[in-house]
Amino acid sequence: MAVAMKLSDDLVEEAKTVAAAEHRSVPKQIEYWARIGKAVLDNPDMPLRVIQDTMLSIEEAKAGQVTAYTFG
C-alpha cells in the first residue's frame, strides 16, 4: 500500500545520492533505511552487518537462491 508523506529535503537529497550508488530508487532507499532501522531497534545487541546479512539471506531464500548444506 502506497502512502504519501512529507520528508525533509535533506533526507531526500541524501537518499538520492545513496540510491544511485546502491542502484535503488529513492523511495526504495528510504524504505531500506527504515527496514534496517527497525531491525536494529528490534535487535539492539546484534551487529549491523549480521542484520544486513540476515536480511539478504531471507531475500535469497525467497528467490530460491539456496543450496543444501552438507555437514562433515
PDB file of N, CA and C in Angstrom:
ATOM      1  N   MET A   1       0.848  -1.164   0.000  1.00  0.00           N
ATOM      2  CA  MET A   1       0.000   0.000   0.000  1.00  0.00           C
ATOM      3  C   MET A   1       0.897   1.230   0.000  1.00  0.00           C
ATOM      4  N   ALA A   2       0.729   2.092  -0.956  1.00  0.00           N
ATOM      5  CA  ALA A   2       1.497   3.325  -1.043  1.00  0.00           C
ATOM      6  C   ALA A   2       0.838   4.390  -0.163  1.00  0.00           C
ATOM      7  N   VAL A   3       1.681   5.149   0.525  1.00  0.00           N
ATOM      8  CA  VAL A   3       1.207   6.218   1.387  1.00  0.00           C
ATOM      9  C   VAL A   3       2.048   7.455   1.097  1.00  0.00           C
ATOM     10  N   ALA A   4       1.398   8.566   0.861  1.00  0.00           N
ATOM     11  CA  ALA A   4       2.123   9.817   0.636  1.00  0.00           C
ATOM     12  C   ALA A   4       2.509  10.404   1.987  1.00  0.00           C
ATOM     13  N   MET A   5       3.739  10.892   2.087  1.00  0.00           N
ATOM     14  CA  MET A   5       4.189  11.525   3.328  1.00  0.00           C
ATOM     15  C   MET A   5       5.210  12.602   3.020  1.00  0.00           C
ATOM     16  N   LYS A   6       5.330  13.539   3.924  1.00  0.00           N
ATOM     17  CA  LYS A   6       6.308  14.607   3.759  1.00  0.00           C
ATOM     18  C   LYS A   6       7.614  14.184   4.414  1.00  0.00           C
ATOM     19  N   LEU A   7       8.696  14.361   3.685  1.00  0.00           N
ATOM     20  CA  LEU A   7      10.025  14.060   4.185  1.00  0.00           C
ATOM     21  C   LEU A   7      10.875  15.309   4.033  1.00  0.00           C
ATOM     22  N   SER A   8      11.877  15.427   4.872  1.00  0.00           N
ATOM     23  CA  SER A   8      12.736  16.602   4.782  1.00  0.00           C
ATOM     24  C   SER A   8      13.518  16.583   3.473  1.00  0.00           C
ATOM     25  N   ASP A   9      13.800  17.767   2.963  1.00  0.00           N
ATOM     26  CA  ASP A   9      14.589  17.879   1.735  1.00  0.00           C
ATOM     27  C   ASP A   9      15.966  17.269   1.915  1.00  0.00           C
ATOM     28  N   ASP A  10      16.541  17.444   3.103  1.00  0.00           N
ATOM     29  CA  ASP A  10      17.878  16.893   3.368  1.00  0.00           C
ATOM     30  C   ASP A  10      17.879  15.370   3.269  1.00  0.00           C
ATOM     31  N   LEU A  11      16.857  14.729   3.845  1.00  0.00           N
ATOM     32  CA  LEU A  11      16.775  13.268   3.785  1.00  0.00           C
ATOM     33  C   LEU A  11      16.628  12.798   2.345  1.00  0.00           C
ATOM     34  N   VAL A  12      15.787  13.440   1.586  1.00  0.00           N
ATOM     35  CA  VAL A  12      15.559  13.044   0.196  1.00  0.00           C
ATOM     36  C   VAL A  12      16.830  13.245  -0.631  1.00  0.00           C
ATOM     37  N   GLU A  13      17.530  14.338  -0.427  1.00  0.00           N
ATOM     38  CA  GLU A  13      18.779  14.584  -1.167  1.00  0.00           C
ATOM     39  C   GLU A  13      19.835  13.542  -0.826  1.00  0.00           C
ATOM     40  N   GLU A  14      19.955  13.203   0.446  1.00  0.00           N
ATOM     41  CA  GLU A  14      20.927  12.181   0.840  1.00  0.00           C
ATOM     42  C   GLU A  14      20.522  10.826   0.253  1.00  0.00           C
ATOM     43  N   ALA A  15      19.225  10.544   0.266  1.00  0.00           N
ATOM     44  CA  ALA A  15      18.737   9.282  -0.299  1.00  0.00           C
ATOM     45  C   ALA A  15      19.016   9.202  -1.797  1.00  0.00           C
ATOM     46  N   LYS A  16      18.926  10.318  -2.507  1.00  0.00           N
ATOM     47  CA  LYS A  16      19.218  10.321  -3.947  1.00  0.00           C
ATOM     48  C   LYS A  16      20.642   9.858  -4.206  1.00  0.00           C
ATOM     49  N   THR A  17      21.570  10.380  -3.428  1.00  0.00           N
ATOM     50  CA  THR A  17      22.981  10.038  -3.610  1.00  0.00           C
ATOM     51  C   THR A  17      23.234   8.568  -3.331  1.00  0.00           C
ATOM     52  N   VAL A  18      22.745   8.102  -2.191  1.00  0.00           N
ATOM     53  CA  VAL A  18      22.978   6.704  -1.812  1.00  0.00           C
ATOM     54  C   VAL A  18      22.212   5.765  -2.743  1.00  0.00           C
ATOM     55  N   ALA A  19      20.999   6.138  -3.107  1.00  0.00           N
ATOM     56  CA  ALA A  19      20.197   5.309  -4.006  1.00  0.00           C
ATOM     57  C   ALA A  19      20.908   5.094  -5.337  1.00  0.00           C
ATOM     58  N   ALA A  20      21.515   6.129  -5.857  1.00  0.00           N
ATOM     59  CA  ALA A  20      22.248   5.998  -7.122  1.00  0.00           C
ATOM     60  C   ALA A  20      23.413   5.022  -6.968  1.00  0.00           C
ATOM     61  N   ALA A  21      24.118   5.127  -5.866  1.00  0.00           N
ATOM     62  CA  ALA A  21      25.261   4.234  -5.634  1.00  0.00           C
ATOM     63  C   ALA A  21      24.827   2.792  -5.410  1.00  0.00           C
ATOM     64  N   GLU A  22      23.655   2.605  -4.804  1.00  0.00           N
ATOM     65  CA  GLU A  22      23.167   1.269  -4.483  1.00  0.00           C
ATOM     66  C   GLU A  22      22.210   0.707  -5.541  1.00  0.00           C
ATOM     67  N   HIS A  23      22.004   1.458  -6.623  1.00  0.00           N
ATOM     68  CA  HIS A  23      21.121   1.036  -7.720  1.00  0.00           C
ATOM     69  C   HIS A  23      19.688   0.782  -7.235  1.00  0.00           C
ATOM     70  N   ARG A  24      19.191   1.738  -6.419  1.00  0.00           N
ATOM     71  CA  ARG A  24      17.818   1.686  -5.928  1.00  0.00           C
ATOM     72  C   ARG A  24      17.133   2.982  -6.289  1.00  0.00           C
ATOM     73  N   SER A  25      15.812   2.968  -6.285  1.00  0.00           N
ATOM     74  CA  SER A  25      15.066   4.217  -6.426  1.00  0.00           C
ATOM     75  C   SER A  25      15.131   4.944  -5.080  1.00  0.00           C
ATOM     76  N   VAL A  26      14.827   6.224  -5.087  1.00  0.00           N
ATOM     77  CA  VAL A  26      14.834   6.995  -3.837  1.00  0.00           C
ATOM     78  C   VAL A  26      13.823   6.424  -2.838  1.00  0.00           C
ATOM     79  N   PRO A  27      12.586   6.148  -3.241  1.00  0.00           N
ATOM     80  CA  PRO A  27      11.652   5.561  -2.270  1.00  0.00           C
ATOM     81  C   PRO A  27      12.131   4.213  -1.715  1.00  0.00           C
ATOM     82  N   LYS A  28      12.717   3.382  -2.584  1.00  0.00           N
ATOM     83  CA  LYS A  28      13.225   2.091  -2.108  1.00  0.00           C
ATOM     84  C   LYS A  28      14.406   2.266  -1.165  1.00  0.00           C
ATOM     85  N   GLN A  29      15.233   3.291  -1.383  1.00  0.00           N
ATOM     86  CA  GLN A  29      16.354   3.546  -0.484  1.00  0.00           C
ATOM     87  C   GLN A  29      15.838   3.944   0.893  1.00  0.00           C
ATOM     88  N   ILE A  30      14.855   4.817   0.924  1.00  0.00           N
ATOM     89  CA  ILE A  30      14.293   5.254   2.206  1.00  0.00           C
ATOM     90  C   ILE A  30      13.596   4.077   2.894  1.00  0.00           C
ATOM     91  N   GLU A  31      12.910   3.242   2.114  1.00  0.00           N
ATOM     92  CA  GLU A  31      12.282   2.041   2.685  1.00  0.00           C
ATOM     93  C   GLU A  31      13.336   1.112   3.271  1.00  0.00           C
ATOM     94  N   TYR A  32      14.453   0.956   2.567  1.00  0.00           N
ATOM     95  CA  TYR A  32      15.555   0.116   3.064  1.00  0.00           C
ATOM     96  C   TYR A  32      16.083   0.659   4.390  1.00  0.00           C
ATOM     97  N   TRP A  33      16.319   1.963   4.445  1.00  0.00           N
ATOM     98  CA  TRP A  33      16.788   2.565   5.692  1.00  0.00           C
ATOM     99  C   TRP A  33      15.806   2.326   6.831  1.00  0.00           C
ATOM    100  N   ALA A  34      14.528   2.416   6.542  1.00  0.00           N
ATOM    101  CA  ALA A  34      13.502   2.194   7.567  1.00  0.00           C
ATOM    102  C   ALA A  34      13.527   0.745   8.051  1.00  0.00           C
ATOM    103  N   ARG A  35      13.668  -0.188   7.117  1.00  0.00           N
ATOM    104  CA  ARG A  35      13.719  -1.602   7.500  1.00  0.00           C
ATOM    105  C   ARG A  35      14.953  -1.903   8.334  1.00  0.00           C
ATOM    106  N   ILE A  36      16.089  -1.355   7.939  1.00  0.00           N
ATOM    107  CA  ILE A  36      17.322  -1.551   8.707  1.00  0.00           C
ATOM    108  C   ILE A  36      17.171  -0.937  10.099  1.00  0.00           C
ATOM    109  N   GLY A  37      16.657   0.274  10.147  1.00  0.00           N
ATOM    110  CA  GLY A  37      16.473   0.941  11.438  1.00  0.00           C
ATOM    111  C   GLY A  37      15.566   0.159  12.361  1.00  0.00           C
ATOM    112  N   LYS A  38      14.469  -0.378  11.833  1.00  0.00           N
ATOM    113  CA  LYS A  38      13.553  -1.176  12.644  1.00  0.00           C
ATOM    114  C   LYS A  38      14.247  -2.431  13.136  1.00  0.00           C
ATOM    115  N   ALA A  39      14.991  -3.092  12.263  1.00  0.00           N
ATOM    116  CA  ALA A  39      15.695  -4.318  12.647  1.00  0.00           C
ATOM    117  C   ALA A  39      16.734  -4.041  13.730  1.00  0.00           C
ATOM    118  N   VAL A  40      17.431  -2.913  13.632  1.00  0.00           N
ATOM    119  CA  VAL A  40      18.426  -2.547  14.643  1.00  0.00           C
ATOM    120  C   VAL A  40      17.747  -2.288  15.983  1.00  0.00           C
ATOM    121  N   LEU A  41      16.632  -1.565  15.953  1.00  0.00           N
ATOM    122  CA  LEU A  41      15.907  -1.287  17.197  1.00  0.00           C
ATOM    123  C   LEU A  41      15.323  -2.560  17.806  1.00  0.00           C
ATOM    124  N   ASP A  42      14.882  -3.495  16.962  1.00  0.00           N
ATOM    125  CA  ASP A  42      14.332  -4.759  17.450  1.00  0.00           C
ATOM    126  C   ASP A  42      15.407  -5.706  17.977  1.00  0.00           C
ATOM    127  N   ASN A  43      16.663  -5.503  17.548  1.00  0.00           N
ATOM    128  CA  ASN A  43      17.776  -6.392  17.912  1.00  0.00           C
ATOM    129  C   ASN A  43      18.986  -5.569  18.349  1.00  0.00           C
ATOM    130  N   PRO A  44      18.893  -4.869  19.479  1.00  0.00           N
ATOM    131  CA  PRO A  44      19.957  -3.923  19.853  1.00  0.00           C
ATOM    132  C   PRO A  44      21.320  -4.554  20.126  1.00  0.00           C
ATOM    133  N   ASP A  45      21.362  -5.846  20.428  1.00  0.00           N
ATOM    134  CA  ASP A  45      22.645  -6.487  20.721  1.00  0.00           C
ATOM    135  C   ASP A  45      23.292  -7.115  19.493  1.00  0.00           C
ATOM    136  N   MET A  46      22.608  -7.052  18.345  1.00  0.00           N
ATOM    137  CA  MET A  46      23.119  -7.678  17.131  1.00  0.00           C
ATOM    138  C   MET A  46      23.865  -6.650  16.284  1.00  0.00           C
ATOM    139  N   PRO A  47      25.066  -6.997  15.816  1.00  0.00           N
ATOM    140  CA  PRO A  47      25.801  -6.064  14.946  1.00  0.00           C
ATOM    141  C   PRO A  47      25.041  -5.789  13.642  1.00  0.00           C
ATOM    142  N   LEU A  48      25.205  -4.575  13.133  1.00  0.00           N
ATOM    143  CA  LEU A  48      24.538  -4.171  11.898  1.00  0.00           C
ATOM    144  C   LEU A  48      24.841  -5.134  10.760  1.00  0.00           C
ATOM    145  N   ARG A  49      26.073  -5.548  10.596  1.00  0.00           N
ATOM    146  CA  ARG A  49      26.450  -6.443   9.494  1.00  0.00           C
ATOM    147  C   ARG A  49      25.686  -7.757   9.578  1.00  0.00           C
ATOM    148  N   VAL A  50      25.466  -8.289  10.771  1.00  0.00           N
ATOM    149  CA  VAL A  50      24.711  -9.533  10.930  1.00  0.00           C
ATOM    150  C   VAL A  50      23.261  -9.314  10.499  1.00  0.00           C
ATOM    151  N   ILE A  51      22.701  -8.174  10.867  1.00  0.00           N
ATOM    152  CA  ILE A  51      21.331  -7.844  10.472  1.00  0.00           C
ATOM    153  C   ILE A  51      21.232  -7.740   8.957  1.00  0.00           C
ATOM    154  N   GLN A  52      22.165  -7.042   8.328  1.00  0.00           N
ATOM    155  CA  GLN A  52      22.153  -6.901   6.870  1.00  0.00           C
ATOM    156  C   GLN A  52      22.306  -8.260   6.186  1.00  0.00           C
ATOM    157  N   ASP A  53      23.214  -9.080   6.670  1.00  0.00           N
ATOM    158  CA  ASP A  53      23.425 -10.400   6.071  1.00  0.00           C
ATOM    159  C   ASP A  53      22.189 -11.284   6.248  1.00  0.00           C
ATOM    160  N   THR A  54      21.526 -11.174   7.390  1.00  0.00           N
ATOM    161  CA  THR A  54      20.310 -11.945   7.636  1.00  0.00           C
ATOM    162  C   THR A  54      19.204 -11.519   6.678  1.00  0.00           C
ATOM    163  N   MET A  55      19.050 -10.194   6.507  1.00  0.00           N
ATOM    164  CA  MET A  55      18.035  -9.689   5.586  1.00  0.00           C
ATOM    165  C   MET A  55      18.315 -10.157   4.162  1.00  0.00           C
ATOM    166  N   LEU A  56      19.569 -10.147   3.748  1.00  0.00           N
ATOM    167  CA  LEU A  56      19.948 -10.623   2.425  1.00  0.00           C
ATOM    168  C   LEU A  56      19.655 -12.116   2.281  1.00  0.00           C
ATOM    169  N   SER A  57      19.976 -12.889   3.304  1.00  0.00           N
ATOM    170  CA  SER A  57      19.730 -14.330   3.263  1.00  0.00           C
ATOM    171  C   SER A  57      18.247 -14.641   3.121  1.00  0.00           C
ATOM    172  N   ILE A  58      17.409 -13.890   3.801  1.00  0.00           N
ATOM    173  CA  ILE A  58      15.961 -14.091   3.696  1.00  0.00           C
ATOM    174  C   ILE A  58      15.494 -13.846   2.265  1.00  0.00           C
ATOM    175  N   GLU A  59      15.977 -12.760   1.657  1.00  0.00           N
ATOM    176  CA  GLU A  59      15.582 -12.449   0.277  1.00  0.00           C
ATOM    177  C   GLU A  59      16.112 -13.488  -0.700  1.00  0.00           C
ATOM    178  N   GLU A  60      17.331 -13.994  -0.472  1.00  0.00           N
ATOM    179  CA  GLU A  60      17.882 -15.041  -1.338  1.00  0.00           C
ATOM    180  C   GLU A  60      17.042 -16.316  -1.234  1.00  0.00           C
ATOM    181  N   ALA A  61      16.611 -16.658  -0.034  1.00  0.00           N
ATOM    182  CA  ALA A  61      15.775 -17.847   0.154  1.00  0.00           C
ATOM    183  C   ALA A  61      14.431 -17.677  -0.544  1.00  0.00           C
ATOM    184  N   LYS A  62      13.845 -16.484  -0.452  1.00  0.00           N
ATOM    185  CA  LYS A  62      12.571 -16.213  -1.133  1.00  0.00           C
ATOM    186  C   LYS A  62      12.717 -16.361  -2.643  1.00  0.00           C
ATOM    187  N   ALA A  63      13.890 -15.998  -3.166  1.00  0.00           N
ATOM    188  CA  ALA A  63      14.146 -16.064  -4.605  1.00  0.00           C
ATOM    189  C   ALA A  63      14.606 -17.450  -5.051  1.00  0.00           C
ATOM    190  N   GLY A  64      14.708 -18.380  -4.111  1.00  0.00           N
ATOM    191  CA  GLY A  64      15.125 -19.739  -4.451  1.00  0.00           C
ATOM    192  C   GLY A  64      16.612 -19.883  -4.680  1.00  0.00           C
ATOM    193  N   GLN A  65      17.383 -18.945  -4.224  1.00  0.00           N
ATOM    194  CA  GLN A  65      18.838 -18.973  -4.421  1.00  0.00           C
ATOM    195  C   GLN A  65      19.528 -19.616  -3.228  1.00  0.00           C
ATOM    196  N   VAL A  66      19.150 -20.841  -2.935  1.00  0.00           N
ATOM    197  CA  VAL A  66      19.728 -21.554  -1.794  1.00  0.00           C
ATOM    198  C   VAL A  66      20.205 -22.930  -2.239  1.00  0.00           C
ATOM    199  N   THR A  67      21.168 -23.441  -1.528  1.00  0.00           N
ATOM    200  CA  THR A  67      21.645 -24.811  -1.748  1.00  0.00           C
ATOM    201  C   THR A  67      21.707 -25.492  -0.398  1.00  0.00           C
ATOM    202  N   ALA A  68      21.522 -26.799  -0.415  1.00  0.00           N
ATOM    203  CA  ALA A  68      21.569 -27.575   0.830  1.00  0.00           C
ATOM    204  C   ALA A  68      23.002 -27.613   1.359  1.00  0.00           C
ATOM    205  N   TYR A  69      23.119 -27.481   2.664  1.00  0.00           N
ATOM    206  CA  TYR A  69      24.432 -27.564   3.305  1.00  0.00           C
ATOM    207  C   TYR A  69      24.624 -28.986   3.803  1.00  0.00           C
ATOM    208  N   THR A  70      25.788 -29.563   3.496  1.00  0.00           N
ATOM    209  CA  THR A  70      26.102 -30.907   3.954  1.00  0.00           C
ATOM    210  C   THR A  70      27.126 -30.819   5.083  1.00  0.00           C
ATOM    211  N   PHE A  71      26.757 -31.321   6.235  1.00  0.00           N
ATOM    212  CA  PHE A  71      27.668 -31.322   7.386  1.00  0.00           C
ATOM    213  C   PHE A  71      28.720 -32.394   7.209  1.00  0.00           C
ATOM    214  N   GLY A  72      29.956 -32.056   7.644  1.00  0.00           N
ATOM    215  CA  GLY A  72      31.032 -33.024   7.653  1.00  0.00           C
ATOM    216  C   GLY A  72      31.573 -33.270   6.354  1.00  0.00           C
TER     217      GLY A  72
END
